[in-house]
Amino acid sequence: MPLRALIVEDEPLAARRLADMLARQPEPLEILGTAESVAQAVALLRETTPDVLFLDIHLADGLSFEIFEQVAVRCPVIFTTAYDQYALQAFKVNSVDYLLKPIDADELAAALAKLRQRLPAATPAPPAFDPALLAQLMHQMQQAAPPAASYKTQFVVRVGEHLKVVPLDQIAYFFSLEKATFLQTVEGRKFVVDYTMDQLEGLLDPRRFFRLNRAYLTQQSAIQDIIHYTNSRLQTVLKPTAPDAQVLVSREKVNVFKSWLDR
């Protein structure tokens, strides 16, 4: 019986390329499905039983680590990532395989050979991760992030007929409202920026900024207070005051958020 694989990748071309590579193996893998987001991956994992999970890190609606907080993953995981070698050491320490993008055919073959050696006998495997390990792994990745110079240090915004440069230190947080994305300064001014929240998350140093939920991406210095909320969630109080009455940390991000604060 062929190995059954589930691919979680938010870039359709990358997902198709990986599926094609798996189909061309001497022992082709059966693809149970592909998912582009945390929500889709959780749904597929509840419906299927893969032998291996190929997992990208940044997905359309968050980090792939959030999957493990919502569903028990009982199969080996192979991360497909563009992270640098320092962050990848975190995966090795925690006995997780990885493949660097763009995926090399020989490296994929080696990973599959390693996978077949590791596959357990007919006994059920324990869950792949627990929340404490996830928080630790995310913390290691943030500590191993590239220097801040590789991320944006300022933004150019439009003020009437003029252009204004806003340094990162003057930015409190970003938020989305009515299909637009805004930059909120520490002085209380807001400007429209030509980026989506997902794009900003990749452009900003994760050691300084955290995506609280789909609508807010904040610098730690802008968090004035944190309050326990219902259903294991957290409520943040931002300064300057946010447009929304409540700015909640998504339940699936709470552990990672605490680790980010405690780094």
Protein backbone atom coordinates (compact mmCIF):
# COMPACT_ATOMS: atom_id res chain seq x y z
CA MET A 1 0.00 0.00 0.00
CA PRO A 2 1.46 3.41 -0.95
CA LEU A 3 2.19 6.02 1.69
CA ARG A 4 -0.60 8.55 2.04
CA ALA A 5 0.40 12.23 2.13
CA LEU A 6 -1.33 15.46 2.96
CA ILE A 7 0.13 18.71 1.56
CA VAL A 8 -0.41 22.00 3.38
CA GLU A 9 0.88 24.84 1.22
CA ASP A 10 -0.62 28.25 0.43
CA GLU A 11 1.17 28.64 -2.91
CA PRO A 12 -0.78 26.60 -5.52
CA LEU A 13 2.21 26.23 -7.84
CA ALA A 14 4.43 24.96 -5.02
CA ALA A 15 1.71 22.53 -3.92
CA ARG A 16 1.28 21.15 -7.46
CA ARG A 17 5.04 20.83 -7.92
CA LEU A 18 5.41 18.87 -4.69
CA ALA A 19 2.45 16.63 -5.59
CA ASP A 20 4.04 15.92 -8.99
CA MET A 21 7.39 15.11 -7.36
CA LEU A 22 5.72 12.71 -4.94
CA ALA A 23 3.86 11.02 -7.81
CA ARG A 24 7.14 10.47 -9.70
CA GLN A 25 8.86 8.62 -6.84
CA PRO A 26 9.87 4.96 -7.39
CA GLU A 27 7.18 4.21 -4.80
CA PRO A 28 4.61 6.94 -5.58
CA LEU A 29 2.71 8.49 -2.70
CA GLU A 30 -1.06 8.81 -2.63
CA ILE A 31 -2.08 12.46 -2.15
CA LEU A 32 -5.08 12.60 0.19
CA GLY A 33 -5.56 16.30 -0.42
CA THR A 34 -4.05 19.76 -0.29
CA ALA A 35 -4.84 22.68 2.03
CA GLU A 36 -3.96 26.36 1.73
CA SER A 37 -4.82 27.46 5.26
CA VAL A 38 -4.85 26.40 8.89
CA ALA A 39 -8.63 25.97 8.77
CA GLN A 40 -8.52 23.76 5.65
CA ALA A 41 -5.69 21.66 7.08
CA VAL A 42 -7.55 21.08 10.35
CA ALA A 43 -10.66 20.00 8.45
CA LEU A 44 -8.69 17.55 6.26
CA LEU A 45 -6.81 16.09 9.23
CA ARG A 46 -10.12 15.38 10.93
CA GLU A 47 -11.37 13.55 7.85
CA THR A 48 -8.26 11.65 6.73
CA THR A 49 -5.39 9.61 8.20
CA PRO A 50 -2.16 10.49 6.37
CA ASP A 51 1.14 8.70 6.84
CA VAL A 52 3.04 11.96 6.41
CA LEU A 53 2.22 15.65 6.51
CA PHE A 54 4.10 18.10 4.26
CA LEU A 55 3.73 21.44 5.96
CA ASP A 56 4.61 24.99 4.95
CA ILE A 57 5.13 27.43 7.84
CA HIS A 58 3.35 30.60 6.70
CA LEU A 59 -0.19 29.92 5.53
CA ALA A 60 -2.99 32.15 4.27
CA ASP A 61 -4.57 32.54 7.72
CA GLY A 62 -1.63 32.16 10.09
CA LEU A 63 1.29 29.93 11.10
CA SER A 64 1.04 26.22 10.50
CA PHE A 65 1.93 25.55 14.16
CA GLU A 66 -1.63 26.60 14.99
CA ILE A 67 -2.82 23.36 13.35
CA PHE A 68 -1.36 21.27 16.18
CA GLU A 69 -3.29 23.25 18.78
CA GLN A 70 -6.60 22.44 17.07
CA VAL A 71 -6.21 18.79 16.07
CA ALA A 72 -4.03 15.86 17.16
CA VAL A 73 -1.48 15.13 14.42
CA ARG A 74 -0.37 11.51 14.73
CA CYS A 75 1.91 11.23 11.71
CA PRO A 76 5.46 12.40 10.94
CA VAL A 77 5.78 15.98 9.70
CA ILE A 78 8.11 17.25 6.99
CA PHE A 79 8.29 21.03 6.92
CA THR A 80 8.71 22.68 3.52
CA THR A 81 10.21 26.03 4.35
CA ALA A 82 12.34 28.92 3.15
CA TYR A 83 13.64 29.64 6.70
CA ASP A 84 17.38 30.05 7.15
CA GLN A 85 19.60 27.36 8.60
CA TYR A 86 19.60 28.84 12.09
CA ALA A 87 15.84 28.58 12.42
CA LEU A 88 16.00 25.10 10.92
CA GLN A 89 18.15 23.94 13.81
CA ALA A 90 15.01 24.23 15.93
CA PHE A 91 13.33 21.62 13.77
CA LYS A 92 16.29 19.26 14.04
CA VAL A 93 16.48 19.63 17.81
CA ASN A 94 12.82 18.66 18.02
CA SER A 95 13.24 15.70 15.62
CA VAL A 96 11.23 17.23 12.79
CA ASP A 97 12.30 16.74 9.20
CA TYR A 98 12.40 19.67 6.79
CA LEU A 99 12.98 20.50 3.14
CA LEU A 100 14.23 23.87 1.93
CA LYS A 101 12.32 25.56 -0.89
CA PRO A 102 12.61 25.19 -3.78
CA ILE A 103 12.52 21.49 -2.99
CA ASP A 104 15.34 19.44 -4.46
CA ALA A 105 14.42 16.02 -5.90
CA ASP A 106 17.34 14.23 -4.24
CA GLU A 107 16.61 15.82 -0.84
CA LEU A 108 12.96 14.81 -1.15
CA ALA A 109 13.96 11.23 -1.94
CA ALA A 110 16.29 11.18 1.07
CA ALA A 111 13.57 12.55 3.35
CA LEU A 112 11.13 9.88 2.15
CA ALA A 113 13.70 7.15 2.75
CA LYS A 114 14.22 8.51 6.26
CA LEU A 115 10.46 8.65 6.72
CA ARG A 116 10.01 4.98 5.79
CA GLN A 117 12.65 4.00 8.34
CA ARG A 118 10.89 5.99 11.06
CA LEU A 119 7.37 4.81 10.39
CA PRO A 120 6.15 2.91 13.45
CA ALA A 121 4.85 -0.61 13.38
CA ALA A 122 1.11 -1.06 13.54
CA THR A 123 0.86 0.68 16.94
CA PRO A 124 -0.80 4.11 17.16
CA ALA A 125 1.60 7.02 17.46
CA PRO A 126 1.25 9.72 20.12
CA PRO A 127 0.32 13.24 19.03
CA ALA A 128 3.17 14.84 17.09
CA PHE A 129 3.33 17.99 19.26
CA ASP A 130 2.01 19.49 22.44
CA PRO A 131 1.33 23.18 23.17
CA ALA A 132 4.44 23.58 25.33
CA LEU A 133 6.66 22.24 22.55
CA LEU A 134 4.95 24.50 20.02
CA ALA A 135 5.62 27.57 22.15
CA GLN A 136 9.25 26.51 22.60
CA LEU A 137 9.71 25.89 18.88
CA MET A 138 8.17 29.22 17.93
CA HIS A 139 10.36 30.96 20.49
CA GLN A 140 13.47 29.33 19.01
CA MET A 141 12.45 30.45 15.53
CA GLN A 142 11.92 34.03 16.65
CA GLN A 143 15.29 34.08 18.37
CA ALA A 144 16.90 32.70 15.21
CA ALA A 145 15.21 35.21 12.90
CA PRO A 146 17.44 37.12 10.49
CA PRO A 147 18.79 40.52 11.60
CA ALA A 148 16.25 43.31 11.68
CA ALA A 149 18.02 44.99 8.77
CA SER A 150 16.55 42.33 6.46
CA TYR A 151 13.06 43.54 7.33
CA LYS A 152 11.42 46.87 6.59
CA THR A 153 12.66 49.75 8.74
CA GLN A 154 10.27 52.43 7.47
CA PHE A 155 7.14 52.98 5.41
CA VAL A 156 6.29 55.65 2.85
CA VAL A 157 2.75 56.99 3.17
CA ARG A 158 0.79 59.60 1.32
CA VAL A 159 -0.36 62.80 3.05
CA GLY A 160 -2.44 64.81 0.57
CA GLU A 161 -0.14 65.58 -2.32
CA HIS A 162 2.97 64.78 -0.28
CA LEU A 163 4.86 61.63 0.68
CA LYS A 164 5.91 61.05 4.27
CA VAL A 165 8.45 58.55 5.62
CA VAL A 166 7.38 56.86 8.86
CA PRO A 167 10.23 55.05 10.70
CA LEU A 168 9.41 51.77 12.40
CA ASP A 169 9.98 53.23 15.86
CA GLN A 170 7.08 55.65 15.26
CA ILE A 171 4.64 52.83 14.39
CA ALA A 172 2.44 51.40 17.13
CA TYR A 173 0.48 48.86 15.10
CA PHE A 174 -1.21 48.05 11.80
CA PHE A 175 -4.89 47.24 11.41
CA SER A 176 -7.34 46.43 8.65
CA LEU A 177 -10.72 48.09 8.33
CA GLU A 178 -13.26 47.97 5.50
CA LYS A 179 -10.85 46.31 3.04
CA ALA A 180 -8.07 48.85 3.71
CA THR A 181 -4.88 48.51 5.77
CA PHE A 182 -3.80 51.29 8.10
CA LEU A 183 -0.59 52.24 9.88
CA GLN A 184 -1.18 53.68 13.36
CA THR A 185 1.59 55.88 14.74
CA VAL A 186 2.50 56.26 18.40
CA GLU A 187 1.34 59.89 18.13
CA GLY A 188 -2.18 58.79 17.20
CA ARG A 189 -2.12 59.44 13.45
CA LYS A 190 -3.17 56.82 10.95
CA PHE A 191 -2.22 56.38 7.29
CA VAL A 192 -3.30 53.97 4.58
CA VAL A 193 -0.56 51.59 3.42
CA ASP A 194 -0.49 49.60 0.17
CA TYR A 195 -0.01 46.21 1.81
CA THR A 196 -2.30 43.46 3.03
CA MET A 197 -1.95 42.22 6.60
CA ASP A 198 -0.48 38.95 5.31
CA GLN A 199 2.15 40.87 3.33
CA LEU A 200 3.04 43.02 6.34
CA GLU A 201 3.51 39.93 8.50
CA GLY A 202 6.28 38.79 6.16
CA LEU A 203 7.88 42.25 5.88
CA LEU A 204 8.17 42.99 9.61
CA ASP A 205 10.62 41.55 12.13
CA PRO A 206 8.67 38.87 14.10
CA ARG A 207 10.73 39.72 17.18
CA ARG A 208 9.10 43.16 17.22
CA PHE A 209 5.66 42.62 15.69
CA PHE A 210 2.99 40.01 16.40
CA ARG A 211 -0.18 39.19 14.46
CA LEU A 212 -2.82 39.20 17.21
CA ASN A 213 -5.62 38.20 14.85
CA ARG A 214 -6.66 38.70 11.24
CA ALA A 215 -7.09 42.46 11.71
CA TYR A 216 -4.25 43.56 14.02
CA LEU A 217 -0.45 43.37 13.82
CA THR A 218 1.18 45.16 16.74
CA GLN A 219 4.52 46.21 18.12
CA GLN A 220 5.02 44.99 21.70
CA SER A 221 5.51 48.53 23.00
CA ALA A 222 1.94 49.37 21.88
CA ILE A 223 0.40 46.72 24.16
CA GLN A 224 -0.70 48.62 27.26
CA ASP A 225 -2.56 45.81 29.01
CA ILE A 226 -3.48 42.11 28.58
CA ILE A 227 -6.69 40.75 30.10
CA HIS A 228 -7.95 37.16 30.38
CA TYR A 229 -11.03 36.75 28.20
CA THR A 230 -13.58 33.98 27.67
CA ASN A 231 -12.77 30.62 26.03
CA SER A 232 -9.05 30.77 26.90
CA ARG A 233 -8.54 33.89 24.82
CA LEU A 234 -6.71 37.11 25.72
CA GLN A 235 -7.83 40.70 25.25
CA THR A 236 -5.22 43.36 24.55
CA VAL A 237 -5.46 47.06 25.22
CA LEU A 238 -3.47 48.99 22.63
CA LYS A 239 -2.05 52.50 22.80
CA PRO A 240 -3.15 54.60 20.95
CA THR A 241 -6.67 53.26 21.42
CA ALA A 242 -7.66 50.82 18.66
CA PRO A 243 -10.70 51.43 16.43
CA ASP A 244 -12.26 48.19 17.68
CA ALA A 245 -13.63 48.06 21.21
CA GLN A 246 -11.98 44.66 21.77
CA VAL A 247 -8.72 43.45 20.24
CA LEU A 248 -8.49 39.74 21.03
CA VAL A 249 -5.61 37.32 20.59
CA SER A 250 -6.93 34.38 18.58
CA ARG A 251 -7.36 31.33 20.81
CA GLU A 252 -5.01 29.23 18.67
CA LYS A 253 -2.29 31.90 19.01
CA VAL A 254 -2.37 32.37 22.77
CA ASN A 255 0.54 30.03 23.59
CA VAL A 256 2.74 31.46 20.84
CA PHE A 257 1.81 35.00 21.95
CA LYS A 258 2.87 34.26 25.55
CA SER A 259 6.17 32.85 24.29
CA TRP A 260 6.70 35.97 22.16
CA LEU A 261 6.16 38.19 25.19
CA ASP A 262 8.52 36.08 27.34
CA ARG A 263 11.47 35.93 24.95
